[in-house]
C-alpha atoms as a PDB file:
ATOM      1  CA  UNK A   1     -10.457  -3.935   5.427  1.00  0.00           C
ATOM      2  CA  UNK A   2      -7.700  -2.660   8.411  1.00  0.00           C
ATOM      3  CA  UNK A   3      -6.426  -5.848  10.359  1.00  0.00           C
ATOM      4  CA  UNK A   4      -4.773  -5.424  14.192  1.00  0.00           C
ATOM      5  CA  UNK A   5      -2.694  -7.929  15.336  1.00  0.00           C
ATOM      6  CA  UNK A   6      -1.551  -8.463  18.983  1.00  0.00           C
ATOM      7  CA  UNK A   7       1.520 -10.725  19.509  1.00  0.00           C
ATOM      8  CA  UNK A   8       2.117 -12.396  22.677  1.00  0.00           C
ATOM      9  CA  UNK A   9       5.547 -13.010  23.804  1.00  0.00           C
ATOM     10  CA  UNK A  10       5.702 -16.501  26.515  1.00  0.00           C
ATOM     11  CA  UNK A  11       4.478 -15.405  29.542  1.00  0.00           C
ATOM     12  CA  UNK A  12       5.709 -16.218  33.594  1.00  0.00           C
ATOM     13  CA  UNK A  13       2.612 -18.150  34.207  1.00  0.00           C
ATOM     14  CA  UNK A  14       1.359 -19.755  30.974  1.00  0.00           C
ATOM     15  CA  UNK A  15      -2.246 -20.847  32.201  1.00  0.00           C
ATOM     16  CA  UNK A  16      -2.881 -17.671  34.174  1.00  0.00           C
ATOM     17  CA  UNK A  17      -2.852 -15.826  30.883  1.00  0.00           C
ATOM     18  CA  UNK A  18      -4.712 -18.503  28.924  1.00  0.00           C
ATOM     19  CA  UNK A  19      -8.219 -18.324  32.394  1.00  0.00           C
ATOM     20  CA  UNK A  20      -7.762 -14.413  32.103  1.00  0.00           C
ATOM     21  CA  UNK A  21      -7.764 -13.532  28.009  1.00  0.00           C
ATOM     22  CA  UNK A  22     -10.442 -15.665  28.110  1.00  0.00           C
ATOM     23  CA  UNK A  23     -12.411 -14.812  30.736  1.00  0.00           C
ATOM     24  CA  UNK A  24     -11.600 -11.668  31.203  1.00  0.00           C
ATOM     25  CA  UNK A  25      -9.844  -9.603  28.216  1.00  0.00           C
ATOM     26  CA  UNK A  26     -12.076 -11.216  25.236  1.00  0.00           C
ATOM     27  CA  UNK A  27     -15.232 -10.785  26.756  1.00  0.00           C
ATOM     28  CA  UNK A  28     -13.517  -6.259  27.052  1.00  0.00           C
ATOM     29  CA  UNK A  29     -12.061  -7.280  23.079  1.00  0.00           C
ATOM     30  CA  UNK A  30     -15.677  -7.938  22.091  1.00  0.00           C
ATOM     31  CA  UNK A  31     -17.102  -5.141  22.767  1.00  0.00           C
ATOM     32  CA  UNK A  32     -14.749  -2.692  20.845  1.00  0.00           C
ATOM     33  CA  UNK A  33     -17.053  -0.738  17.977  1.00  0.00           C
ATOM     34  CA  UNK A  34     -16.611  -1.536  14.817  1.00  0.00           C
ATOM     35  CA  UNK A  35     -14.612  -4.604  15.790  1.00  0.00           C
ATOM     36  CA  UNK A  36     -16.058  -6.655  12.291  1.00  0.00           C
ATOM     37  CA  UNK A  37     -14.730  -9.991  13.414  1.00  0.00           C
ATOM     38  CA  UNK A  38     -11.279 -11.781  15.471  1.00  0.00           C
ATOM     39  CA  UNK A  39     -10.023 -14.604  16.291  1.00  0.00           C
ATOM     40  CA  UNK A  40      -7.167 -16.035  18.694  1.00  0.00           C
ATOM     41  CA  UNK A  41      -4.811 -18.584  18.927  1.00  0.00           C
ATOM     42  CA  UNK A  42      -2.954 -20.004  21.872  1.00  0.00           C
ATOM     43  CA  UNK A  43      -0.816 -22.694  19.263  1.00  0.00           C
ATOM     44  CA  UNK A  44       1.356 -20.183  17.596  1.00  0.00           C
ATOM     45  CA  UNK A  45       4.011 -22.337  15.697  1.00  0.00           C
ATOM     46  CA  UNK A  46       6.842 -21.580  13.591  1.00  0.00           C
ATOM     47  CA  UNK A  47       7.844 -22.663  10.327  1.00  0.00           C
ATOM     48  CA  UNK A  48      11.465 -23.866  11.803  1.00  0.00           C
ATOM     49  CA  UNK A  49      12.324 -23.698  15.408  1.00  0.00           C
ATOM     50  CA  UNK A  50      10.976 -22.403  18.321  1.00  0.00           C
ATOM     51  CA  UNK A  51       7.768 -20.470  17.663  1.00  0.00           C
ATOM     52  CA  UNK A  52       8.465 -16.014  19.341  1.00  0.00           C
ATOM     53  CA  UNK A  53       5.190 -15.867  19.984  1.00  0.00           C
ATOM     54  CA  UNK A  54       2.789 -17.971  22.849  1.00  0.00           C
ATOM     55  CA  UNK A  55      -0.956 -16.521  21.786  1.00  0.00           C
ATOM     56  CA  UNK A  56      -2.120 -14.114  18.752  1.00  0.00           C
ATOM     57  CA  UNK A  57      -4.606 -12.535  18.258  1.00  0.00           C
ATOM     58  CA  UNK A  58      -6.353 -10.728  14.711  1.00  0.00           C
ATOM     59  CA  UNK A  59      -9.310  -8.173  14.836  1.00  0.00           C
ATOM     60  CA  UNK A  60     -11.032  -7.029  11.364  1.00  0.00           C
ATOM     61  CA  UNK A  61     -12.181  -3.359  11.231  1.00  0.00           C
ATOM     62  CA  UNK A  62     -13.624  -1.666   7.835  1.00  0.00           C
ATOM     63  CA  UNK A  63     -10.763   0.626   7.707  1.00  0.00           C
ATOM     64  CA  UNK A  64      -7.907   2.455   9.741  1.00  0.00           C
ATOM     65  CA  UNK A  65     -10.541   5.081  10.622  1.00  0.00           C
ATOM     66  CA  UNK A  66     -13.003   2.426  12.289  1.00  0.00           C
ATOM     67  CA  UNK A  67      -9.566   1.298  14.297  1.00  0.00           C
ATOM     68  CA  UNK A  68      -8.694   4.544  15.229  1.00  0.00           C
ATOM     69  CA  UNK A  69     -11.885   4.897  16.827  1.00  0.00           C
ATOM     70  CA  UNK A  70     -12.224   2.062  18.422  1.00  0.00           C
ATOM     71  CA  UNK A  71      -8.773   1.798  19.749  1.00  0.00           C
ATOM     72  CA  UNK A  72     -10.035   5.596  21.296  1.00  0.00           C
ATOM     73  CA  UNK A  73     -13.040   4.574  22.418  1.00  0.00           C
ATOM     74  CA  UNK A  74     -13.559   4.430  26.054  1.00  0.00           C
ATOM     75  CA  UNK A  75     -14.186   0.374  25.194  1.00  0.00           C
ATOM     76  CA  UNK A  76     -10.557   0.636  23.368  1.00  0.00           C
ATOM     77  CA  UNK A  77      -9.090   2.447  25.955  1.00  0.00           C
ATOM     78  CA  UNK A  78     -10.074  -0.740  28.684  1.00  0.00           C
ATOM     79  CA  UNK A  79      -8.477  -2.860  26.487  1.00  0.00           C
ATOM     80  CA  UNK A  80      -5.410  -1.590  25.923  1.00  0.00           C
ATOM     81  CA  UNK A  81      -5.458  -1.137  30.018  1.00  0.00           C
ATOM     82  CA  UNK A  82      -6.240  -4.480  31.030  1.00  0.00           C
ATOM     83  CA  UNK A  83      -2.855  -6.269  29.043  1.00  0.00           C
ATOM     84  CA  UNK A  84      -0.739  -5.481  31.595  1.00  0.00           C
ATOM     85  CA  UNK A  85      -2.847  -8.047  34.178  1.00  0.00           C
ATOM     86  CA  UNK A  86      -1.950 -11.270  31.912  1.00  0.00           C
ATOM     87  CA  UNK A  87       0.461 -10.884  29.549  1.00  0.00           C
ATOM     88  CA  UNK A  88       3.624 -10.254  32.035  1.00  0.00           C
ATOM     89  CA  UNK A  89       6.196 -10.609  28.239  1.00  0.00           C
ATOM     90  CA  UNK A  90       4.644  -7.364  26.823  1.00  0.00           C
ATOM     91  CA  UNK A  91       2.560  -7.274  23.939  1.00  0.00           C
ATOM     92  CA  UNK A  92       3.786  -6.636  20.221  1.00  0.00           C
ATOM     93  CA  UNK A  93       0.775  -4.854  18.012  1.00  0.00           C
ATOM     94  CA  UNK A  94       1.037  -4.422  14.735  1.00  0.00           C
ATOM     95  CA  UNK A  95      -1.710  -2.830  12.522  1.00  0.00           C
ATOM     96  CA  UNK A  96      -1.906  -2.625   8.306  1.00  0.00           C
ATOM     97  CA  UNK A  97      -4.466  -2.515   5.629  1.00  0.00           C
ATOM     98  CA  UNK A  98      -5.242  -6.029   4.018  1.00  0.00           C
ATOM     99  CA  UNK A  99      -4.758  -6.250   0.576  1.00  0.00           C
ATOM    100  CA  UNK A 100      -7.033  -9.023  -1.077  1.00  0.00           C
ATOM    101  CA  UNK A 101      -5.475 -11.482  -3.833  1.00  0.00           C
ATOM    102  CA  UNK A 102      -6.433 -14.331  -5.457  1.00  0.00           C
ATOM    103  CA  UNK A 103      -4.842 -17.583  -6.795  1.00  0.00           C
END
């Protein structure tokens, strides 16, 4: 499993961000080839103090190659190009292989 995480700092207009993200951006994300699962939240909290991020997105892919192919696809390029339409605070994109564990 390979995960992509997008961390969004506070935007200039939080209401616009929420509306645009749900109405326009997520429908683009759902067209990513190879996307196994996805989730997001606008309720980001920190264990102590202010949370440095306003929103978070997680997407799961079978492996790094599947994620890279999705990001390079026409759908992936549309997703990346759309970020400027709502994320005035920018976006931090990270990805990593997931290591499973049990307690």
